[in-house]
Amino acid sequence: MAGTFRDSWNLTKTAFRVIREDKALLAFPAIAAAAYIAILVMFLGGIFALYVFQPLTGNLQLAVIAVLVIMMYVLLWFNGTYFTAALIGAAMLKLEGKQPTLADGLEIAAKHWKKLFVWAVISGIVGLAIQAISSRVRGLGGLILGIAAGATWTIATYFIIPVLIFEDQRAWPSLKRSASLYLNNFGRTFVSNLVLGLLVALPLIGAVILGIYGMFLLISGSFFLGIALIAVAIVIFAFMLLLATAATGVLLAALYRFATTGQLEANLVNPVHVQAYRGQQPITRPLPSPAPLPSSH
């Protein structure tokens, strides 16, 4: 048990250390957020225009709106999956001692975009199915069913993206591989994510409290001070969300590396002394299997 907590703490520190050494990794969740907003604006704007200008009528308009909603839903899932893959790809190169660029991470994701798209569709369908089934059960039972099904799916698919981009397998074998990796490394994976969540939650809670206090000052008449505190709270909250998303992706890469090779510490290099990673073949096949690891329980 002590070894599990020690490894989990070291893996979490590694995730933050990687980001500190290479702040460009923050660009992946930033671009993903911008693309997410762009997709929402584009499709919701189109749906709004259909309602306002009424170029179509009756069932045809409803059918077009339904198609737009489905397309938006799929693209939102694919957007998150694609940029998560790009972040994990770049993080893995960094963990292996290379100095990746933004283009390197995007290149890794682009080489596997078909598998990532298929997985985004599958994941989106399963998410809708879980919501639909749990909504049919009234009261507390439906809530418990939804939480249990969602948690089970999250556990089974935790390692799915690194498996898809680093191992030459299709969706179903990748799902089984992901579930196996999680169960074999349950303790370290669970504790690492718990520690990361706690480290990020404290500043987020602080930002919320600061924002609420700023709103109180704004209402009570201290206009400029209230606005200033709200602005600071928004900046802190947005940055911590960005950092949390990036750290979660890097931690996933570190956990996958540990689960498949047994390597705990990162072979980080100082970007001042190393030229940008160029011209080398990104990781496209499974990392070597290590000797059996000690039980994580």
C-alpha atoms as a PDB file:
ATOM      1  CA  MET A   1       0.000   0.000   0.000  1.00  0.00           C
ATOM      2  CA  ALA A   2       2.832   2.386   0.897  1.00  0.00           C
ATOM      3  CA  GLY A   3       4.431   1.702  -2.477  1.00  0.00           C
ATOM      4  CA  THR A   4       1.160   2.479  -4.231  1.00  0.00           C
ATOM      5  CA  PHE A   5       0.847   5.877  -2.559  1.00  0.00           C
ATOM      6  CA  ARG A   6       4.516   6.665  -3.152  1.00  0.00           C
ATOM      7  CA  ASP A   7       4.272   5.769  -6.834  1.00  0.00           C
ATOM      8  CA  SER A   8       1.019   7.708  -7.197  1.00  0.00           C
ATOM      9  CA  TRP A   9       2.538  10.815  -5.640  1.00  0.00           C
ATOM     10  CA  ASN A  10       5.607  10.538  -7.869  1.00  0.00           C
ATOM     11  CA  LEU A  11       3.444  10.087 -10.974  1.00  0.00           C
ATOM     12  CA  THR A  12       1.363  13.146 -10.057  1.00  0.00           C
ATOM     13  CA  LYS A  13       4.508  15.204  -9.462  1.00  0.00           C
ATOM     14  CA  THR A  14       5.834  14.006 -12.807  1.00  0.00           C
ATOM     15  CA  ALA A  15       2.697  15.285 -14.552  1.00  0.00           C
ATOM     16  CA  PHE A  16       3.121  18.781 -13.113  1.00  0.00           C
ATOM     17  CA  ARG A  17       6.874  18.667 -13.666  1.00  0.00           C
ATOM     18  CA  VAL A  18       6.398  17.888 -17.351  1.00  0.00           C
ATOM     19  CA  ILE A  19       4.092  20.896 -17.744  1.00  0.00           C
ATOM     20  CA  ARG A  20       6.511  23.124 -15.832  1.00  0.00           C
ATOM     21  CA  GLU A  21       9.332  22.006 -18.122  1.00  0.00           C
ATOM     22  CA  ASP A  22       7.219  22.412 -21.272  1.00  0.00           C
ATOM     23  CA  LYS A  23       4.415  24.952 -20.864  1.00  0.00           C
ATOM     24  CA  ALA A  24       3.562  24.558 -24.569  1.00  0.00           C
ATOM     25  CA  LEU A  25       1.551  21.491 -23.522  1.00  0.00           C
ATOM     26  CA  LEU A  26      -1.053  23.932 -22.193  1.00  0.00           C
ATOM     27  CA  ALA A  27      -1.740  24.876 -25.806  1.00  0.00           C
ATOM     28  CA  PHE A  28      -3.561  21.590 -26.501  1.00  0.00           C
ATOM     29  CA  PRO A  29      -6.463  22.116 -24.064  1.00  0.00           C
ATOM     30  CA  ALA A  30      -6.545  25.819 -25.008  1.00  0.00           C
ATOM     31  CA  ILE A  31      -6.989  25.003 -28.707  1.00  0.00           C
ATOM     32  CA  ALA A  32      -9.522  22.294 -27.839  1.00  0.00           C
ATOM     33  CA  ALA A  33     -11.563  24.805 -25.814  1.00  0.00           C
ATOM     34  CA  ALA A  34     -11.451  27.341 -28.650  1.00  0.00           C
ATOM     35  CA  ALA A  35     -12.543  24.671 -31.162  1.00  0.00           C
ATOM     36  CA  TYR A  36     -15.318  23.571 -28.796  1.00  0.00           C
ATOM     37  CA  ILE A  37     -16.686  27.117 -28.628  1.00  0.00           C
ATOM     38  CA  ALA A  38     -16.373  27.506 -32.419  1.00  0.00           C
ATOM     39  CA  ILE A  39     -18.354  24.295 -33.026  1.00  0.00           C
ATOM     40  CA  LEU A  40     -21.092  25.397 -30.625  1.00  0.00           C
ATOM     41  CA  VAL A  41     -21.333  28.863 -32.177  1.00  0.00           C
ATOM     42  CA  MET A  42     -21.422  27.495 -35.718  1.00  0.00           C
ATOM     43  CA  PHE A  43     -24.115  24.870 -35.181  1.00  0.00           C
ATOM     44  CA  LEU A  44     -26.250  26.725 -32.655  1.00  0.00           C
ATOM     45  CA  GLY A  45     -26.061  29.773 -34.923  1.00  0.00           C
ATOM     46  CA  GLY A  46     -27.280  27.663 -37.834  1.00  0.00           C
ATOM     47  CA  ILE A  47     -30.152  26.229 -35.798  1.00  0.00           C
ATOM     48  CA  PHE A  48     -31.111  29.717 -34.585  1.00  0.00           C
ATOM     49  CA  ALA A  49     -31.085  30.996 -38.184  1.00  0.00           C
ATOM     50  CA  LEU A  50     -33.440  28.183 -39.218  1.00  0.00           C
ATOM     51  CA  TYR A  51     -35.894  29.223 -36.525  1.00  0.00           C
ATOM     52  CA  VAL A  52     -35.661  32.961 -37.300  1.00  0.00           C
ATOM     53  CA  PHE A  53     -35.656  32.995 -41.111  1.00  0.00           C
ATOM     54  CA  GLN A  54     -37.734  29.846 -41.641  1.00  0.00           C
ATOM     55  CA  PRO A  55     -36.141  28.789 -44.985  1.00  0.00           C
ATOM     56  CA  LEU A  56     -37.651  25.352 -44.401  1.00  0.00           C
ATOM     57  CA  THR A  57     -40.971  24.322 -42.934  1.00  0.00           C
ATOM     58  CA  GLY A  58     -42.579  21.430 -41.153  1.00  0.00           C
ATOM     59  CA  ASN A  59     -40.924  18.036 -40.922  1.00  0.00           C
ATOM     60  CA  LEU A  60     -38.113  19.018 -43.281  1.00  0.00           C
ATOM     61  CA  GLN A  61     -36.946  21.748 -40.902  1.00  0.00           C
ATOM     62  CA  LEU A  62     -37.160  19.390 -37.920  1.00  0.00           C
ATOM     63  CA  ALA A  63     -35.132  16.794 -39.837  1.00  0.00           C
ATOM     64  CA  VAL A  64     -32.425  19.321 -40.738  1.00  0.00           C
ATOM     65  CA  ILE A  65     -32.234  20.532 -37.134  1.00  0.00           C
ATOM     66  CA  ALA A  66     -31.961  16.931 -35.906  1.00  0.00           C
ATOM     67  CA  VAL A  67     -29.101  16.290 -38.338  1.00  0.00           C
ATOM     68  CA  LEU A  68     -27.321  19.474 -37.198  1.00  0.00           C
ATOM     69  CA  VAL A  69     -27.672  18.497 -33.547  1.00  0.00           C
ATOM     70  CA  ILE A  70     -26.268  15.010 -34.225  1.00  0.00           C
ATOM     71  CA  MET A  71     -23.363  16.447 -36.232  1.00  0.00           C
ATOM     72  CA  MET A  72     -22.610  18.957 -33.466  1.00  0.00           C
ATOM     73  CA  TYR A  73     -22.684  16.228 -30.825  1.00  0.00           C
ATOM     74  CA  VAL A  74     -20.298  13.979 -32.785  1.00  0.00           C
ATOM     75  CA  LEU A  75     -17.893  16.831 -33.575  1.00  0.00           C
ATOM     76  CA  LEU A  76     -17.791  17.912 -29.928  1.00  0.00           C
ATOM     77  CA  TRP A  77     -16.865  14.385 -28.863  1.00  0.00           C
ATOM     78  CA  PHE A  78     -14.299  14.074 -31.648  1.00  0.00           C
ATOM     79  CA  ASN A  79     -12.803  17.450 -30.771  1.00  0.00           C
ATOM     80  CA  GLY A  80     -12.173  16.368 -27.186  1.00  0.00           C
ATOM     81  CA  THR A  81     -10.845  12.963 -28.228  1.00  0.00           C
ATOM     82  CA  TYR A  82      -8.546  14.359 -30.931  1.00  0.00           C
ATOM     83  CA  PHE A  83      -6.836  17.018 -28.825  1.00  0.00           C
ATOM     84  CA  THR A  84      -6.539  14.658 -25.860  1.00  0.00           C
ATOM     85  CA  ALA A  85      -4.701  12.249 -28.161  1.00  0.00           C
ATOM     86  CA  ALA A  86      -2.448  15.071 -29.367  1.00  0.00           C
ATOM     87  CA  LEU A  87      -1.651  16.062 -25.771  1.00  0.00           C
ATOM     88  CA  ILE A  88      -0.932  12.473 -24.731  1.00  0.00           C
ATOM     89  CA  GLY A  89       1.271  11.941 -27.790  1.00  0.00           C
ATOM     90  CA  ALA A  90       3.332  15.054 -27.062  1.00  0.00           C
ATOM     91  CA  ALA A  91       3.505  14.205 -23.349  1.00  0.00           C
ATOM     92  CA  MET A  92       4.793  10.713 -24.104  1.00  0.00           C
ATOM     93  CA  LEU A  93       7.556  12.115 -26.286  1.00  0.00           C
ATOM     94  CA  LYS A  94       8.458  14.487 -23.450  1.00  0.00           C
ATOM     95  CA  LEU A  95       8.473  11.644 -20.913  1.00  0.00           C
ATOM     96  CA  GLU A  96      10.838   9.720 -23.174  1.00  0.00           C
ATOM     97  CA  GLY A  97      13.353  12.570 -23.161  1.00  0.00           C
ATOM     98  CA  LYS A  98      12.492  14.280 -26.436  1.00  0.00           C
ATOM     99  CA  GLN A  99      11.406  17.886 -26.909  1.00  0.00           C
ATOM    100  CA  PRO A 100       8.114  17.796 -28.835  1.00  0.00           C
ATOM    101  CA  THR A 101       6.451  20.733 -30.506  1.00  0.00           C
ATOM    102  CA  LEU A 102       2.748  21.455 -30.882  1.00  0.00           C
ATOM    103  CA  ALA A 103       2.939  20.102 -34.428  1.00  0.00           C
ATOM    104  CA  ASP A 104       4.361  16.781 -33.197  1.00  0.00           C
ATOM    105  CA  GLY A 105       1.399  16.142 -30.929  1.00  0.00           C
ATOM    106  CA  LEU A 106      -1.067  17.097 -33.653  1.00  0.00           C
ATOM    107  CA  GLU A 107       0.767  14.840 -36.104  1.00  0.00           C
ATOM    108  CA  ILE A 108       0.387  11.837 -33.800  1.00  0.00           C
ATOM    109  CA  ALA A 109      -3.349  12.496 -33.461  1.00  0.00           C
ATOM    110  CA  ALA A 110      -3.716  13.077 -37.220  1.00  0.00           C
ATOM    111  CA  LYS A 111      -2.135   9.705 -38.032  1.00  0.00           C
ATOM    112  CA  HIS A 112      -4.859   7.980 -36.012  1.00  0.00           C
ATOM    113  CA  TRP A 113      -7.793  10.294 -36.708  1.00  0.00           C
ATOM    114  CA  LYS A 114      -9.982   7.521 -38.179  1.00  0.00           C
ATOM    115  CA  LYS A 115      -9.723   5.348 -35.057  1.00  0.00           C
ATOM    116  CA  LEU A 116     -10.213   8.406 -32.866  1.00  0.00           C
ATOM    117  CA  PHE A 117     -13.304   9.418 -34.834  1.00  0.00           C
ATOM    118  CA  VAL A 118     -14.811   5.925 -34.596  1.00  0.00           C
ATOM    119  CA  TRP A 119     -14.138   5.909 -30.874  1.00  0.00           C
ATOM    120  CA  ALA A 120     -15.686   9.373 -30.453  1.00  0.00           C
ATOM    121  CA  VAL A 121     -18.872   8.118 -32.138  1.00  0.00           C
ATOM    122  CA  ILE A 122     -18.964   4.972 -29.986  1.00  0.00           C
ATOM    123  CA  SER A 123     -18.321   6.922 -26.805  1.00  0.00           C
ATOM    124  CA  GLY A 124     -20.985   9.475 -27.685  1.00  0.00           C
ATOM    125  CA  ILE A 125     -23.568   6.754 -28.372  1.00  0.00           C
ATOM    126  CA  VAL A 126     -22.778   4.970 -25.112  1.00  0.00           C
ATOM    127  CA  GLY A 127     -23.052   8.257 -23.211  1.00  0.00           C
ATOM    128  CA  LEU A 128     -26.498   8.894 -24.689  1.00  0.00           C
ATOM    129  CA  ALA A 129     -27.561   5.309 -23.969  1.00  0.00           C
ATOM    130  CA  ILE A 130     -26.529   5.607 -20.315  1.00  0.00           C
ATOM    131  CA  GLN A 131     -28.517   8.825 -19.961  1.00  0.00           C
ATOM    132  CA  ALA A 132     -31.546   7.364 -21.733  1.00  0.00           C
ATOM    133  CA  ILE A 133     -31.609   4.180 -19.624  1.00  0.00           C
ATOM    134  CA  SER A 134     -31.050   5.946 -16.289  1.00  0.00           C
ATOM    135  CA  SER A 135     -33.717   8.546 -17.111  1.00  0.00           C
ATOM    136  CA  ARG A 136     -36.315   5.778 -17.475  1.00  0.00           C
ATOM    137  CA  VAL A 137     -35.772   4.757 -13.846  1.00  0.00           C
ATOM    138  CA  ARG A 138     -37.428   7.247 -11.562  1.00  0.00           C
ATOM    139  CA  GLY A 139     -36.108   8.657  -8.330  1.00  0.00           C
ATOM    140  CA  LEU A 140     -32.919   7.693  -6.534  1.00  0.00           C
ATOM    141  CA  GLY A 141     -32.634   4.420  -8.427  1.00  0.00           C
ATOM    142  CA  GLY A 142     -32.179   6.204 -11.738  1.00  0.00           C
ATOM    143  CA  LEU A 143     -29.529   8.483 -10.259  1.00  0.00           C
ATOM    144  CA  ILE A 144     -27.610   5.553  -8.782  1.00  0.00           C
ATOM    145  CA  LEU A 145     -27.905   3.596 -12.031  1.00  0.00           C
ATOM    146  CA  GLY A 146     -26.593   6.540 -14.062  1.00  0.00           C
ATOM    147  CA  ILE A 147     -23.659   7.133 -11.707  1.00  0.00           C
ATOM    148  CA  ALA A 148     -22.735   3.434 -11.574  1.00  0.00           C
ATOM    149  CA  ALA A 149     -22.950   2.974 -15.347  1.00  0.00           C
ATOM    150  CA  GLY A 150     -20.997   6.165 -15.998  1.00  0.00           C
ATOM    151  CA  ALA A 151     -18.282   5.224 -13.501  1.00  0.00           C
ATOM    152  CA  THR A 152     -17.956   1.722 -14.977  1.00  0.00           C
ATOM    153  CA  TRP A 153     -17.636   3.116 -18.493  1.00  0.00           C
ATOM    154  CA  THR A 154     -15.094   5.719 -17.355  1.00  0.00           C
ATOM    155  CA  ILE A 155     -12.960   3.032 -15.690  1.00  0.00           C
ATOM    156  CA  ALA A 156     -13.127   0.693 -18.681  1.00  0.00           C
ATOM    157  CA  THR A 157     -12.163   3.448 -21.134  1.00  0.00           C
ATOM    158  CA  TYR A 158      -9.576   5.288 -19.028  1.00  0.00           C
ATOM    159  CA  PHE A 159      -6.575   4.109 -21.096  1.00  0.00           C
ATOM    160  CA  ILE A 160      -8.438   3.871 -24.401  1.00  0.00           C
ATOM    161  CA  ILE A 161      -6.853   6.886 -26.128  1.00  0.00           C
ATOM    162  CA  PRO A 162      -3.196   5.937 -25.483  1.00  0.00           C
ATOM    163  CA  VAL A 163      -4.018   2.368 -26.491  1.00  0.00           C
ATOM    164  CA  LEU A 164      -5.584   3.603 -29.740  1.00  0.00           C
ATOM    165  CA  ILE A 165      -2.593   5.764 -30.698  1.00  0.00           C
ATOM    166  CA  PHE A 166       0.269   3.582 -29.400  1.00  0.00           C
ATOM    167  CA  GLU A 167      -1.050   0.084 -30.089  1.00  0.00           C
ATOM    168  CA  ASP A 168      -2.276  -1.178 -33.444  1.00  0.00           C
ATOM    169  CA  GLN A 169      -5.715  -2.388 -32.369  1.00  0.00           C
ATOM    170  CA  ARG A 170      -9.303  -1.575 -33.251  1.00  0.00           C
ATOM    171  CA  ALA A 171     -11.987  -0.245 -30.933  1.00  0.00           C
ATOM    172  CA  TRP A 172     -13.180  -3.445 -29.200  1.00  0.00           C
ATOM    173  CA  PRO A 173      -9.720  -4.975 -28.526  1.00  0.00           C
ATOM    174  CA  SER A 174      -8.573  -1.514 -27.397  1.00  0.00           C
ATOM    175  CA  LEU A 175     -11.471  -1.312 -24.950  1.00  0.00           C
ATOM    176  CA  LYS A 176     -10.564  -4.693 -23.444  1.00  0.00           C
ATOM    177  CA  ARG A 177      -6.899  -3.653 -23.279  1.00  0.00           C
ATOM    178  CA  SER A 178      -7.828  -0.361 -21.583  1.00  0.00           C
ATOM    179  CA  ALA A 179      -9.960  -2.109 -18.963  1.00  0.00           C
ATOM    180  CA  SER A 180      -7.182  -4.634 -18.308  1.00  0.00           C
ATOM    181  CA  LEU A 181      -4.574  -1.899 -17.821  1.00  0.00           C
ATOM    182  CA  TYR A 182      -6.828  -0.059 -15.386  1.00  0.00           C
ATOM    183  CA  LEU A 183      -7.647  -3.127 -13.301  1.00  0.00           C
ATOM    184  CA  ASN A 184      -3.980  -4.193 -13.173  1.00  0.00           C
ATOM    185  CA  ASN A 185      -2.974  -0.724 -12.014  1.00  0.00           C
ATOM    186  CA  PHE A 186      -6.106   0.260 -10.112  1.00  0.00           C
ATOM    187  CA  GLY A 187      -4.430   1.542  -6.954  1.00  0.00           C
ATOM    188  CA  ARG A 188      -1.885   3.815  -8.614  1.00  0.00           C
ATOM    189  CA  THR A 189      -4.343   5.074 -11.212  1.00  0.00           C
ATOM    190  CA  PHE A 190      -7.085   5.863  -8.691  1.00  0.00           C
ATOM    191  CA  VAL A 191      -4.813   7.500  -6.120  1.00  0.00           C
ATOM    192  CA  SER A 192      -2.881   9.534  -8.716  1.00  0.00           C
ATOM    193  CA  ASN A 193      -6.085  11.009 -10.125  1.00  0.00           C
ATOM    194  CA  LEU A 194      -7.423  11.632  -6.614  1.00  0.00           C
ATOM    195  CA  VAL A 195      -4.276  13.517  -5.614  1.00  0.00           C
ATOM    196  CA  LEU A 196      -4.306  15.556  -8.824  1.00  0.00           C
ATOM    197  CA  GLY A 197      -7.976  16.382  -8.314  1.00  0.00           C
ATOM    198  CA  LEU A 198      -7.369  17.583  -4.767  1.00  0.00           C
ATOM    199  CA  LEU A 199      -4.397  19.725  -5.800  1.00  0.00           C
ATOM    200  CA  VAL A 200      -6.451  21.415  -8.513  1.00  0.00           C
ATOM    201  CA  ALA A 201      -9.693  21.662  -6.526  1.00  0.00           C
ATOM    202  CA  LEU A 202      -8.271  23.924  -3.810  1.00  0.00           C
ATOM    203  CA  PRO A 203      -7.349  26.845  -6.127  1.00  0.00           C
ATOM    204  CA  LEU A 204     -10.634  26.397  -8.005  1.00  0.00           C
ATOM    205  CA  ILE A 205     -12.617  26.631  -4.767  1.00  0.00           C
ATOM    206  CA  GLY A 206     -10.534  29.660  -3.796  1.00  0.00           C
ATOM    207  CA  ALA A 207     -11.339  31.325  -7.126  1.00  0.00           C
ATOM    208  CA  VAL A 208     -15.058  30.677  -6.644  1.00  0.00           C
ATOM    209  CA  ILE A 209     -14.967  32.166  -3.130  1.00  0.00           C
ATOM    210  CA  LEU A 210     -13.059  35.169  -4.422  1.00  0.00           C
ATOM    211  CA  GLY A 211     -15.602  35.661  -7.211  1.00  0.00           C
ATOM    212  CA  ILE A 212     -18.528  35.437  -4.780  1.00  0.00           C
ATOM    213  CA  TYR A 213     -16.864  37.992  -2.507  1.00  0.00           C
ATOM    214  CA  GLY A 214     -16.303  40.248  -5.532  1.00  0.00           C
ATOM    215  CA  MET A 215     -20.006  39.999  -6.413  1.00  0.00           C
ATOM    216  CA  PHE A 216     -20.891  40.886  -2.821  1.00  0.00           C
ATOM    217  CA  LEU A 217     -18.668  43.978  -2.991  1.00  0.00           C
ATOM    218  CA  LEU A 218     -20.167  44.892  -6.366  1.00  0.00           C
ATOM    219  CA  ILE A 219     -23.695  44.722  -4.974  1.00  0.00           C
ATOM    220  CA  SER A 220     -22.762  46.601  -1.808  1.00  0.00           C
ATOM    221  CA  GLY A 221     -21.387  49.556  -3.782  1.00  0.00           C
ATOM    222  CA  SER A 222     -17.629  48.875  -4.124  1.00  0.00           C
ATOM    223  CA  PHE A 223     -17.894  48.741  -7.908  1.00  0.00           C
ATOM    224  CA  PHE A 224     -14.259  48.866  -9.037  1.00  0.00           C
ATOM    225  CA  LEU A 225     -12.936  46.573  -6.291  1.00  0.00           C
ATOM    226  CA  GLY A 226     -15.737  44.095  -6.941  1.00  0.00           C
ATOM    227  CA  ILE A 227     -15.077  44.067 -10.694  1.00  0.00           C
ATOM    228  CA  ALA A 228     -11.351  43.647 -10.077  1.00  0.00           C
ATOM    229  CA  LEU A 229     -11.855  40.663  -7.756  1.00  0.00           C
ATOM    230  CA  ILE A 230     -14.313  39.028 -10.153  1.00  0.00           C
ATOM    231  CA  ALA A 231     -11.859  39.490 -13.034  1.00  0.00           C
ATOM    232  CA  VAL A 232      -9.025  37.959 -10.982  1.00  0.00           C
ATOM    233  CA  ALA A 233     -11.280  35.060  -9.964  1.00  0.00           C
ATOM    234  CA  ILE A 234     -12.213  34.381 -13.603  1.00  0.00           C
ATOM    235  CA  VAL A 235      -8.556  34.405 -14.690  1.00  0.00           C
ATOM    236  CA  ILE A 236      -7.528  32.046 -11.872  1.00  0.00           C
ATOM    237  CA  PHE A 237     -10.467  29.727 -12.550  1.00  0.00           C
ATOM    238  CA  ALA A 238      -9.812  29.587 -16.296  1.00  0.00           C
ATOM    239  CA  PHE A 239      -6.072  28.990 -15.820  1.00  0.00           C
ATOM    240  CA  MET A 240      -6.650  26.236 -13.271  1.00  0.00           C
ATOM    241  CA  LEU A 241      -9.109  24.505 -15.611  1.00  0.00           C
ATOM    242  CA  LEU A 242      -6.503  24.707 -18.369  1.00  0.00           C
ATOM    243  CA  LEU A 243      -3.794  23.382 -16.048  1.00  0.00           C
ATOM    244  CA  ALA A 244      -6.051  20.614 -14.745  1.00  0.00           C
ATOM    245  CA  THR A 245      -6.919  19.439 -18.250  1.00  0.00           C
ATOM    246  CA  ALA A 246      -3.274  19.435 -19.345  1.00  0.00           C
ATOM    247  CA  ALA A 247      -2.100  17.731 -16.136  1.00  0.00           C
ATOM    248  CA  THR A 248      -4.798  15.061 -16.480  1.00  0.00           C
ATOM    249  CA  GLY A 249      -3.613  14.266 -20.013  1.00  0.00           C
ATOM    250  CA  VAL A 250       0.049  14.152 -19.001  1.00  0.00           C
ATOM    251  CA  LEU A 251      -0.786  11.987 -15.981  1.00  0.00           C
ATOM    252  CA  LEU A 252      -2.640   9.576 -18.273  1.00  0.00           C
ATOM    253  CA  ALA A 253       0.445   9.347 -20.496  1.00  0.00           C
ATOM    254  CA  ALA A 254       2.672   8.780 -17.435  1.00  0.00           C
ATOM    255  CA  LEU A 255       0.336   6.099 -16.056  1.00  0.00           C
ATOM    256  CA  TYR A 256       0.179   4.340 -19.429  1.00  0.00           C
ATOM    257  CA  ARG A 257       3.978   4.453 -19.662  1.00  0.00           C
ATOM    258  CA  PHE A 258       4.250   3.030 -16.150  1.00  0.00           C
ATOM    259  CA  ALA A 259       1.627   0.332 -16.818  1.00  0.00           C
ATOM    260  CA  THR A 260       3.326  -0.858 -20.017  1.00  0.00           C
ATOM    261  CA  THR A 261       7.013  -0.427 -19.186  1.00  0.00           C
ATOM    262  CA  GLY A 262       7.253  -0.115 -15.411  1.00  0.00           C
ATOM    263  CA  GLN A 263       9.128   3.195 -15.817  1.00  0.00           C
ATOM    264  CA  LEU A 264       8.163   5.676 -13.144  1.00  0.00           C
ATOM    265  CA  GLU A 265      10.509   8.629 -13.475  1.00  0.00           C
ATOM    266  CA  ALA A 266      10.470  10.761 -16.607  1.00  0.00           C
ATOM    267  CA  ASN A 267      13.607  11.151 -18.716  1.00  0.00           C
ATOM    268  CA  LEU A 268      13.016  14.862 -19.055  1.00  0.00           C
ATOM    269  CA  VAL A 269      15.433  17.062 -20.914  1.00  0.00           C
ATOM    270  CA  ASN A 270      16.096  20.750 -20.532  1.00  0.00           C
ATOM    271  CA  PRO A 271      14.598  22.507 -23.586  1.00  0.00           C
ATOM    272  CA  VAL A 272      17.360  25.126 -23.374  1.00  0.00           C
ATOM    273  CA  HIS A 273      19.981  22.535 -24.268  1.00  0.00           C
ATOM    274  CA  VAL A 274      18.025  20.462 -26.778  1.00  0.00           C
ATOM    275  CA  GLN A 275      16.765  21.398 -30.198  1.00  0.00           C
ATOM    276  CA  ALA A 276      13.070  20.908 -30.886  1.00  0.00           C
ATOM    277  CA  TYR A 277      12.068  17.327 -31.628  1.00  0.00           C
ATOM    278  CA  ARG A 278      12.103  16.991 -35.397  1.00  0.00           C
ATOM    279  CA  GLY A 279      12.221  14.297 -37.990  1.00  0.00           C
ATOM    280  CA  GLN A 280      11.934  11.295 -35.650  1.00  0.00           C
ATOM    281  CA  GLN A 281       9.214   8.727 -35.946  1.00  0.00           C
ATOM    282  CA  PRO A 282       6.532   9.202 -33.303  1.00  0.00           C
ATOM    283  CA  ILE A 283       5.584   6.257 -31.127  1.00  0.00           C
ATOM    284  CA  THR A 284       3.175   4.131 -33.184  1.00  0.00           C
ATOM    285  CA  ARG A 285       3.494   0.668 -31.647  1.00  0.00           C
ATOM    286  CA  PRO A 286       3.136  -0.805 -28.164  1.00  0.00           C
ATOM    287  CA  LEU A 287       5.828   0.001 -25.666  1.00  0.00           C
ATOM    288  CA  PRO A 288       7.743  -3.075 -24.448  1.00  0.00           C
ATOM    289  CA  SER A 289       6.010  -5.090 -21.745  1.00  0.00           C
ATOM    290  CA  PRO A 290       7.783  -5.008 -18.394  1.00  0.00           C
ATOM    291  CA  ALA A 291       8.235  -7.739 -15.895  1.00  0.00           C
ATOM    292  CA  PRO A 292       5.136  -8.309 -13.717  1.00  0.00           C
ATOM    293  CA  LEU A 293       4.569  -5.343 -11.425  1.00  0.00           C
ATOM    294  CA  PRO A 294       3.832  -5.654  -7.721  1.00  0.00           C
ATOM    295  CA  SER A 295       0.167  -5.679  -6.804  1.00  0.00           C
ATOM    296  CA  SER A 296      -1.300  -2.196  -6.498  1.00  0.00           C
ATOM    297  CA  HIS A 297      -3.737  -3.238  -3.797  1.00  0.00           C
END
